[in-house]
Amino acid sequence: MRYPFLFLLIAALLFSACSNGQNTSQVLAPKEFAAKMSATPDAYIIDVRTPEEFSGDHLPKALNINWNSPDFTENISAYDKNKTAFV
């Protein structure tokens, strides 16, 4: 993946757009991301890469919801919008 930061930013913005108008998204530096993820053990960890990319390596407990999938919106909408999600 050539531009992982840009891809993650777009994914974060898309996910935040699905939050019923409550835009609480943040772009975090890697250390902040890791610290917040550790402090929020019940949060979703959503990996929006393709299944092939996901199978190569991913964070523990990450959910793979393929950004390129035609049913991405339906799949992402299945999760609780009031629960913290790391994308």
PDB file of N, CA and C in Angstrom:
ATOM      1  N   MET A   1       0.861  -1.163   0.000  1.00  0.00           N
ATOM      2  CA  MET A   1       0.000   0.000   0.000  1.00  0.00           C
ATOM      3  C   MET A   1       0.909   1.227   0.000  1.00  0.00           C
ATOM      4  N   ARG A   2       0.720   2.103  -0.949  1.00  0.00           N
ATOM      5  CA  ARG A   2       1.616   3.240  -1.117  1.00  0.00           C
ATOM      6  C   ARG A   2       1.327   4.382  -0.154  1.00  0.00           C
ATOM      7  N   TYR A   3       0.090   4.637   0.138  1.00  0.00           N
ATOM      8  CA  TYR A   3      -0.282   5.786   0.954  1.00  0.00           C
ATOM      9  C   TYR A   3      -1.150   5.356   2.138  1.00  0.00           C
ATOM     10  N   PRO A   4      -0.571   4.612   3.084  1.00  0.00           N
ATOM     11  CA  PRO A   4      -1.410   4.083   4.165  1.00  0.00           C
ATOM     12  C   PRO A   4      -2.050   5.162   5.036  1.00  0.00           C
ATOM     13  N   PHE A   5      -1.347   6.258   5.289  1.00  0.00           N
ATOM     14  CA  PHE A   5      -1.923   7.315   6.127  1.00  0.00           C
ATOM     15  C   PHE A   5      -3.141   7.919   5.457  1.00  0.00           C
ATOM     16  N   LEU A   6      -3.045   8.215   4.159  1.00  0.00           N
ATOM     17  CA  LEU A   6      -4.162   8.794   3.424  1.00  0.00           C
ATOM     18  C   LEU A   6      -5.341   7.829   3.413  1.00  0.00           C
ATOM     19  N   PHE A   7      -5.064   6.565   3.193  1.00  0.00           N
ATOM     20  CA  PHE A   7      -6.110   5.554   3.162  1.00  0.00           C
ATOM     21  C   PHE A   7      -6.822   5.474   4.514  1.00  0.00           C
ATOM     22  N   LEU A   8      -6.045   5.457   5.601  1.00  0.00           N
ATOM     23  CA  LEU A   8      -6.649   5.380   6.931  1.00  0.00           C
ATOM     24  C   LEU A   8      -7.441   6.640   7.261  1.00  0.00           C
ATOM     25  N   LEU A   9      -6.949   7.792   6.813  1.00  0.00           N
ATOM     26  CA  LEU A   9      -7.667   9.046   7.046  1.00  0.00           C
ATOM     27  C   LEU A   9      -9.023   9.026   6.339  1.00  0.00           C
ATOM     28  N   ILE A  10      -9.025   8.599   5.085  1.00  0.00           N
ATOM     29  CA  ILE A  10     -10.283   8.512   4.333  1.00  0.00           C
ATOM     30  C   ILE A  10     -11.231   7.526   5.010  1.00  0.00           C
ATOM     31  N   ALA A  11     -10.704   6.397   5.444  1.00  0.00           N
ATOM     32  CA  ALA A  11     -11.546   5.403   6.112  1.00  0.00           C
ATOM     33  C   ALA A  11     -12.122   5.957   7.412  1.00  0.00           C
ATOM     34  N   ALA A  12     -11.309   6.671   8.159  1.00  0.00           N
ATOM     35  CA  ALA A  12     -11.781   7.263   9.412  1.00  0.00           C
ATOM     36  C   ALA A  12     -12.881   8.277   9.152  1.00  0.00           C
ATOM     37  N   LEU A  13     -12.711   9.066   8.110  1.00  0.00           N
ATOM     38  CA  LEU A  13     -13.730  10.062   7.774  1.00  0.00           C
ATOM     39  C   LEU A  13     -15.020   9.389   7.340  1.00  0.00           C
ATOM     40  N   LEU A  14     -14.901   8.329   6.554  1.00  0.00           N
ATOM     41  CA  LEU A  14     -16.094   7.608   6.126  1.00  0.00           C
ATOM     42  C   LEU A  14     -16.807   6.986   7.323  1.00  0.00           C
ATOM     43  N   PHE A  15     -16.053   6.365   8.207  1.00  0.00           N
ATOM     44  CA  PHE A  15     -16.663   5.742   9.377  1.00  0.00           C
ATOM     45  C   PHE A  15     -17.336   6.794  10.250  1.00  0.00           C
ATOM     46  N   SER A  16     -16.700   7.940  10.400  1.00  0.00           N
ATOM     47  CA  SER A  16     -17.304   8.985  11.227  1.00  0.00           C
ATOM     48  C   SER A  16     -18.576   9.525  10.579  1.00  0.00           C
ATOM     49  N   ALA A  17     -18.657   9.476   9.254  1.00  0.00           N
ATOM     50  CA  ALA A  17     -19.861   9.933   8.565  1.00  0.00           C
ATOM     51  C   ALA A  17     -21.036   9.004   8.847  1.00  0.00           C
ATOM     52  N   CYS A  18     -20.749   7.778   9.259  1.00  0.00           N
ATOM     53  CA  CYS A  18     -21.794   6.806   9.577  1.00  0.00           C
ATOM     54  C   CYS A  18     -22.254   6.919  11.025  1.00  0.00           C
ATOM     55  N   SER A  19     -21.831   7.939  11.742  1.00  0.00           N
ATOM     56  CA  SER A  19     -22.091   8.000  13.178  1.00  0.00           C
ATOM     57  C   SER A  19     -23.291   8.867  13.541  1.00  0.00           C
ATOM     58  N   ASN A  20     -24.301   8.910  12.694  1.00  0.00           N
ATOM     59  CA  ASN A  20     -25.539   9.643  12.987  1.00  0.00           C
ATOM     60  C   ASN A  20     -25.298  11.114  13.311  1.00  0.00           C
ATOM     61  N   GLY A  21     -24.377  11.738  12.606  1.00  0.00           N
ATOM     62  CA  GLY A  21     -24.129  13.156  12.784  1.00  0.00           C
ATOM     63  C   GLY A  21     -23.243  13.509  13.957  1.00  0.00           C
ATOM     64  N   GLN A  22     -22.794  12.546  14.713  1.00  0.00           N
ATOM     65  CA  GLN A  22     -21.919  12.805  15.855  1.00  0.00           C
ATOM     66  C   GLN A  22     -20.473  12.606  15.418  1.00  0.00           C
ATOM     67  N   ASN A  23     -19.854  13.648  14.918  1.00  0.00           N
ATOM     68  CA  ASN A  23     -18.491  13.534  14.423  1.00  0.00           C
ATOM     69  C   ASN A  23     -17.515  13.705  15.577  1.00  0.00           C
ATOM     70  N   THR A  24     -17.023  12.598  16.070  1.00  0.00           N
ATOM     71  CA  THR A  24     -16.048  12.632  17.152  1.00  0.00           C
ATOM     72  C   THR A  24     -14.748  11.971  16.715  1.00  0.00           C
ATOM     73  N   SER A  25     -14.492  11.925  15.423  1.00  0.00           N
ATOM     74  CA  SER A  25     -13.288  11.265  14.917  1.00  0.00           C
ATOM     75  C   SER A  25     -12.049  12.096  15.212  1.00  0.00           C
ATOM     76  N   GLN A  26     -10.952  11.400  15.374  1.00  0.00           N
ATOM     77  CA  GLN A  26      -9.655  12.017  15.620  1.00  0.00           C
ATOM     78  C   GLN A  26      -8.615  11.278  14.801  1.00  0.00           C
ATOM     79  N   VAL A  27      -7.632  12.001  14.309  1.00  0.00           N
ATOM     80  CA  VAL A  27      -6.475  11.383  13.684  1.00  0.00           C
ATOM     81  C   VAL A  27      -5.383  11.387  14.740  1.00  0.00           C
ATOM     82  N   LEU A  28      -4.864  10.210  15.063  1.00  0.00           N
ATOM     83  CA  LEU A  28      -3.898  10.068  16.137  1.00  0.00           C
ATOM     84  C   LEU A  28      -2.536   9.637  15.611  1.00  0.00           C
ATOM     85  N   ALA A  29      -1.501  10.100  16.270  1.00  0.00           N
ATOM     86  CA  ALA A  29      -0.150   9.618  15.993  1.00  0.00           C
ATOM     87  C   ALA A  29      -0.081   8.166  16.481  1.00  0.00           C
ATOM     88  N   PRO A  30       0.849   7.366  15.945  1.00  0.00           N
ATOM     89  CA  PRO A  30       0.903   5.949  16.322  1.00  0.00           C
ATOM     90  C   PRO A  30       0.974   5.690  17.829  1.00  0.00           C
ATOM     91  N   LYS A  31       1.766   6.460  18.561  1.00  0.00           N
ATOM     92  CA  LYS A  31       1.870   6.239  20.009  1.00  0.00           C
ATOM     93  C   LYS A  31       0.551   6.565  20.711  1.00  0.00           C
ATOM     94  N   GLU A  32      -0.111   7.631  20.291  1.00  0.00           N
ATOM     95  CA  GLU A  32      -1.408   7.995  20.870  1.00  0.00           C
ATOM     96  C   GLU A  32      -2.444   6.918  20.554  1.00  0.00           C
ATOM     97  N   PHE A  33      -2.421   6.442  19.306  1.00  0.00           N
ATOM     98  CA  PHE A  33      -3.336   5.391  18.866  1.00  0.00           C
ATOM     99  C   PHE A  33      -3.178   4.165  19.752  1.00  0.00           C
ATOM    100  N   ALA A  34      -1.939   3.717  19.956  1.00  0.00           N
ATOM    101  CA  ALA A  34      -1.667   2.530  20.773  1.00  0.00           C
ATOM    102  C   ALA A  34      -2.111   2.747  22.217  1.00  0.00           C
ATOM    103  N   ALA A  35      -1.846   3.930  22.755  1.00  0.00           N
ATOM    104  CA  ALA A  35      -2.220   4.222  24.143  1.00  0.00           C
ATOM    105  C   ALA A  35      -3.739   4.224  24.307  1.00  0.00           C
ATOM    106  N   LYS A  36      -4.446   4.876  23.395  1.00  0.00           N
ATOM    107  CA  LYS A  36      -5.914   4.930  23.489  1.00  0.00           C
ATOM    108  C   LYS A  36      -6.527   3.553  23.261  1.00  0.00           C
ATOM    109  N   MET A  37      -5.941   2.792  22.353  1.00  0.00           N
ATOM    110  CA  MET A  37      -6.447   1.455  22.084  1.00  0.00           C
ATOM    111  C   MET A  37      -6.279   0.577  23.326  1.00  0.00           C
ATOM    112  N   SER A  38      -5.150   0.695  24.005  1.00  0.00           N
ATOM    113  CA  SER A  38      -4.917  -0.078  25.238  1.00  0.00           C
ATOM    114  C   SER A  38      -5.854   0.362  26.356  1.00  0.00           C
ATOM    115  N   ALA A  39      -6.179   1.635  26.391  1.00  0.00           N
ATOM    116  CA  ALA A  39      -7.045   2.172  27.439  1.00  0.00           C
ATOM    117  C   ALA A  39      -8.524   1.923  27.168  1.00  0.00           C
ATOM    118  N   THR A  40      -8.850   1.428  25.975  1.00  0.00           N
ATOM    119  CA  THR A  40     -10.239   1.191  25.598  1.00  0.00           C
ATOM    120  C   THR A  40     -10.389  -0.251  25.115  1.00  0.00           C
ATOM    121  N   PRO A  41     -10.317  -1.223  26.029  1.00  0.00           N
ATOM    122  CA  PRO A  41     -10.289  -2.633  25.621  1.00  0.00           C
ATOM    123  C   PRO A  41     -11.561  -3.130  24.938  1.00  0.00           C
ATOM    124  N   ASP A  42     -12.692  -2.454  25.133  1.00  0.00           N
ATOM    125  CA  ASP A  42     -13.945  -2.921  24.519  1.00  0.00           C
ATOM    126  C   ASP A  42     -14.242  -2.243  23.188  1.00  0.00           C
ATOM    127  N   ALA A  43     -13.300  -1.452  22.674  1.00  0.00           N
ATOM    128  CA  ALA A  43     -13.507  -0.745  21.405  1.00  0.00           C
ATOM    129  C   ALA A  43     -13.366  -1.703  20.222  1.00  0.00           C
ATOM    130  N   TYR A  44     -13.998  -1.315  19.120  1.00  0.00           N
ATOM    131  CA  TYR A  44     -13.805  -2.041  17.869  1.00  0.00           C
ATOM    132  C   TYR A  44     -12.454  -1.639  17.288  1.00  0.00           C
ATOM    133  N   ILE A  45     -11.777  -2.600  16.679  1.00  0.00           N
ATOM    134  CA  ILE A  45     -10.592  -2.323  15.893  1.00  0.00           C
ATOM    135  C   ILE A  45     -10.958  -2.756  14.485  1.00  0.00           C
ATOM    136  N   ILE A  46     -11.107  -1.788  13.598  1.00  0.00           N
ATOM    137  CA  ILE A  46     -11.598  -2.070  12.250  1.00  0.00           C
ATOM    138  C   ILE A  46     -10.490  -1.836  11.242  1.00  0.00           C
ATOM    139  N   ASP A  47     -10.182  -2.879  10.493  1.00  0.00           N
ATOM    140  CA  ASP A  47      -9.168  -2.838   9.445  1.00  0.00           C
ATOM    141  C   ASP A  47      -9.912  -2.828   8.116  1.00  0.00           C
ATOM    142  N   VAL A  48      -9.776  -1.764   7.348  1.00  0.00           N
ATOM    143  CA  VAL A  48     -10.568  -1.602   6.130  1.00  0.00           C
ATOM    144  C   VAL A  48      -9.821  -2.020   4.863  1.00  0.00           C
ATOM    145  N   ARG A  49      -8.721  -2.717   5.034  1.00  0.00           N
ATOM    146  CA  ARG A  49      -7.973  -3.188   3.872  1.00  0.00           C
ATOM    147  C   ARG A  49      -8.662  -4.399   3.233  1.00  0.00           C
ATOM    148  N   THR A  50      -8.144  -4.813   2.083  1.00  0.00           N
ATOM    149  CA  THR A  50      -8.695  -5.988   1.412  1.00  0.00           C
ATOM    150  C   THR A  50      -8.400  -7.240   2.243  1.00  0.00           C
ATOM    151  N   PRO A  51      -9.150  -8.307   2.036  1.00  0.00           N
ATOM    152  CA  PRO A  51      -8.876  -9.549   2.770  1.00  0.00           C
ATOM    153  C   PRO A  51      -7.446 -10.060   2.540  1.00  0.00           C
ATOM    154  N   GLU A  52      -6.921  -9.870   1.345  1.00  0.00           N
ATOM    155  CA  GLU A  52      -5.553 -10.302   1.051  1.00  0.00           C
ATOM    156  C   GLU A  52      -4.542  -9.523   1.899  1.00  0.00           C
ATOM    157  N   GLU A  53      -4.725  -8.216   1.995  1.00  0.00           N
ATOM    158  CA  GLU A  53      -3.840  -7.391   2.814  1.00  0.00           C
ATOM    159  C   GLU A  53      -3.990  -7.753   4.290  1.00  0.00           C
ATOM    160  N   PHE A  54      -5.222  -7.940   4.713  1.00  0.00           N
ATOM    161  CA  PHE A  54      -5.523  -8.287   6.105  1.00  0.00           C
ATOM    162  C   PHE A  54      -4.879  -9.614   6.494  1.00  0.00           C
ATOM    163  N   SER A  55      -4.908 -10.586   5.593  1.00  0.00           N
ATOM    164  CA  SER A  55      -4.361 -11.913   5.911  1.00  0.00           C
ATOM    165  C   SER A  55      -2.847 -11.878   6.077  1.00  0.00           C
ATOM    166  N   GLY A  56      -2.188 -10.870   5.487  1.00  0.00           N
ATOM    167  CA  GLY A  56      -0.745 -10.753   5.629  1.00  0.00           C
ATOM    168  C   GLY A  56      -0.338 -10.436   7.048  1.00  0.00           C
ATOM    169  N   ASP A  57      -1.007  -9.487   7.669  1.00  0.00           N
ATOM    170  CA  ASP A  57      -0.733  -9.094   9.044  1.00  0.00           C
ATOM    171  C   ASP A  57      -1.807  -8.100   9.472  1.00  0.00           C
ATOM    172  N   HIS A  58      -2.196  -8.171  10.720  1.00  0.00           N
ATOM    173  CA  HIS A  58      -3.186  -7.234  11.251  1.00  0.00           C
ATOM    174  C   HIS A  58      -3.098  -7.204  12.776  1.00  0.00           C
ATOM    175  N   LEU A  59      -3.720  -6.205  13.361  1.00  0.00           N
ATOM    176  CA  LEU A  59      -3.740  -6.067  14.814  1.00  0.00           C
ATOM    177  C   LEU A  59      -4.589  -7.173  15.427  1.00  0.00           C
ATOM    178  N   PRO A  60      -4.218  -7.627  16.624  1.00  0.00           N
ATOM    179  CA  PRO A  60      -5.051  -8.623  17.300  1.00  0.00           C
ATOM    180  C   PRO A  60      -6.469  -8.093  17.504  1.00  0.00           C
ATOM    181  N   LYS A  61      -7.441  -8.971  17.356  1.00  0.00           N
ATOM    182  CA  LYS A  61      -8.874  -8.672  17.531  1.00  0.00           C
ATOM    183  C   LYS A  61      -9.442  -7.719  16.474  1.00  0.00           C
ATOM    184  N   ALA A  62      -8.674  -7.431  15.431  1.00  0.00           N
ATOM    185  CA  ALA A  62      -9.162  -6.536  14.380  1.00  0.00           C
ATOM    186  C   ALA A  62     -10.248  -7.220  13.557  1.00  0.00           C
ATOM    187  N   LEU A  63     -11.229  -6.422  13.157  1.00  0.00           N
ATOM    188  CA  LEU A  63     -12.302  -6.876  12.268  1.00  0.00           C
ATOM    189  C   LEU A  63     -11.964  -6.388  10.864  1.00  0.00           C
ATOM    190  N   ASN A  64     -12.071  -7.245   9.894  1.00  0.00           N
ATOM    191  CA  ASN A  64     -11.784  -6.845   8.521  1.00  0.00           C
ATOM    192  C   ASN A  64     -13.083  -6.489   7.816  1.00  0.00           C
ATOM    193  N   ILE A  65     -13.208  -5.225   7.444  1.00  0.00           N
ATOM    194  CA  ILE A  65     -14.347  -4.754   6.660  1.00  0.00           C
ATOM    195  C   ILE A  65     -13.753  -4.085   5.429  1.00  0.00           C
ATOM    196  N   ASN A  66     -13.774  -4.776   4.332  1.00  0.00           N
ATOM    197  CA  ASN A  66     -13.113  -4.351   3.104  1.00  0.00           C
ATOM    198  C   ASN A  66     -13.711  -3.051   2.557  1.00  0.00           C
ATOM    199  N   TRP A  67     -12.898  -2.025   2.511  1.00  0.00           N
ATOM    200  CA  TRP A  67     -13.278  -0.703   2.001  1.00  0.00           C
ATOM    201  C   TRP A  67     -13.785  -0.792   0.565  1.00  0.00           C
ATOM    202  N   ASN A  68     -13.209  -1.686  -0.222  1.00  0.00           N
ATOM    203  CA  ASN A  68     -13.556  -1.809  -1.644  1.00  0.00           C
ATOM    204  C   ASN A  68     -14.778  -2.684  -1.901  1.00  0.00           C
ATOM    205  N   SER A  69     -15.314  -3.282  -0.869  1.00  0.00           N
ATOM    206  CA  SER A  69     -16.447  -4.177  -1.026  1.00  0.00           C
ATOM    207  C   SER A  69     -17.717  -3.393  -1.353  1.00  0.00           C
ATOM    208  N   PRO A  70     -18.561  -3.910  -2.253  1.00  0.00           N
ATOM    209  CA  PRO A  70     -19.806  -3.206  -2.569  1.00  0.00           C
ATOM    210  C   PRO A  70     -20.761  -3.115  -1.372  1.00  0.00           C
ATOM    211  N   ASP A  71     -20.583  -3.984  -0.389  1.00  0.00           N
ATOM    212  CA  ASP A  71     -21.445  -3.936   0.790  1.00  0.00           C
ATOM    213  C   ASP A  71     -20.738  -3.340   2.014  1.00  0.00           C
ATOM    214  N   PHE A  72     -19.729  -2.509   1.765  1.00  0.00           N
ATOM    215  CA  PHE A  72     -18.989  -1.877   2.858  1.00  0.00           C
ATOM    216  C   PHE A  72     -19.921  -1.104   3.791  1.00  0.00           C
ATOM    217  N   THR A  73     -20.772  -0.254   3.238  1.00  0.00           N
ATOM    218  CA  THR A  73     -21.660   0.571   4.063  1.00  0.00           C
ATOM    219  C   THR A  73     -22.572  -0.297   4.913  1.00  0.00           C
ATOM    220  N   GLU A  74     -23.103  -1.347   4.337  1.00  0.00           N
ATOM    221  CA  GLU A  74     -23.972  -2.267   5.087  1.00  0.00           C
ATOM    222  C   GLU A  74     -23.183  -2.952   6.206  1.00  0.00           C
ATOM    223  N   ASN A  75     -21.973  -3.400   5.900  1.00  0.00           N
ATOM    224  CA  ASN A  75     -21.154  -4.094   6.900  1.00  0.00           C
ATOM    225  C   ASN A  75     -20.733  -3.163   8.033  1.00  0.00           C
ATOM    226  N   ILE A  76     -20.312  -1.960   7.715  1.00  0.00           N
ATOM    227  CA  ILE A  76     -19.854  -1.020   8.746  1.00  0.00           C
ATOM    228  C   ILE A  76     -21.029  -0.534   9.588  1.00  0.00           C
ATOM    229  N   SER A  77     -22.210  -0.476   8.994  1.00  0.00           N
ATOM    230  CA  SER A  77     -23.403  -0.011   9.709  1.00  0.00           C
ATOM    231  C   SER A  77     -23.892  -1.009  10.746  1.00  0.00           C
ATOM    232  N   ALA A  78     -23.413  -2.235  10.675  1.00  0.00           N
ATOM    233  CA  ALA A  78     -23.860  -3.273  11.602  1.00  0.00           C
ATOM    234  C   ALA A  78     -23.289  -3.088  13.008  1.00  0.00           C
ATOM    235  N   TYR A  79     -22.312  -2.217  13.157  1.00  0.00           N
ATOM    236  CA  TYR A  79     -21.660  -2.035  14.454  1.00  0.00           C
ATOM    237  C   TYR A  79     -22.238  -0.849  15.214  1.00  0.00           C
ATOM    238  N   ASP A  80     -22.200  -0.943  16.518  1.00  0.00           N
ATOM    239  CA  ASP A  80     -22.746   0.076  17.414  1.00  0.00           C
ATOM    240  C   ASP A  80     -22.023   1.409  17.222  1.00  0.00           C
ATOM    241  N   LYS A  81     -22.744   2.432  16.820  1.00  0.00           N
ATOM    242  CA  LYS A  81     -22.163   3.755  16.561  1.00  0.00           C
ATOM    243  C   LYS A  81     -21.780   4.489  17.849  1.00  0.00           C
ATOM    244  N   ASN A  82     -22.288   4.021  18.979  1.00  0.00           N
ATOM    245  CA  ASN A  82     -21.972   4.647  20.255  1.00  0.00           C
ATOM    246  C   ASN A  82     -20.730   4.053  20.915  1.00  0.00           C
ATOM    247  N   LYS A  83     -20.163   3.038  20.310  1.00  0.00           N
ATOM    248  CA  LYS A  83     -18.976   2.378  20.837  1.00  0.00           C
ATOM    249  C   LYS A  83     -17.747   2.920  20.100  1.00  0.00           C
ATOM    250  N   THR A  84     -16.651   3.096  20.821  1.00  0.00           N
ATOM    251  CA  THR A  84     -15.418   3.592  20.219  1.00  0.00           C
ATOM    252  C   THR A  84     -14.907   2.606  19.180  1.00  0.00           C
ATOM    253  N   ALA A  85     -14.430   3.150  18.064  1.00  0.00           N
ATOM    254  CA  ALA A  85     -13.858   2.323  17.008  1.00  0.00           C
ATOM    255  C   ALA A  85     -12.518   2.915  16.581  1.00  0.00           C
ATOM    256  N   PHE A  86     -11.530   2.062  16.463  1.00  0.00           N
ATOM    257  CA  PHE A  86     -10.225   2.451  15.934  1.00  0.00           C
ATOM    258  C   PHE A  86     -10.138   1.906  14.526  1.00  0.00           C
ATOM    259  N   VAL A  87      -9.894   2.786  13.575  1.00  0.00           N
ATOM    260  CA  VAL A  87      -9.860   2.382  12.166  1.00  0.00           C
ATOM    261  C   VAL A  87      -8.435   2.491  11.666  1.00  0.00           C
TER     262      VAL A  87
END
